[in-house]
């Protein structure tokens, strides 16, 4: 299993957690306070693995890899800004869907590169 595939698996796990997180928000269910931080830290860890995979590659890096890294980085930064800086207490569904949609686009791009 390559590092790109490991990064993809980590992002997919984070997306699953994000889907659960959004479902809990829609259903107005309580969730542990650490859940949002764990979701963000998993995304940051996956970005670090992706950056390591790109930096250690001996073959030329395709533009799709850079696009995937850029889109996923924007999704992570957007999540931090939206949910930690601008609206730390509320979780608007529209912002969560925008964050998730951008992340899914990046995961799709990474899938095309990794497999």
Foldseek 3Di string as FASTA:
>chain_A
DALLVVLLVLLVVLLVLLVVVLVCQVVVHDDDPCSLVVSLVSLVVSLVSLVVRCVPDPDDDDVLSVVLSVLSVVLSVLSCCVCPPVNVPDDDSVSSVVSSVSSVVSSVSSVVVPD
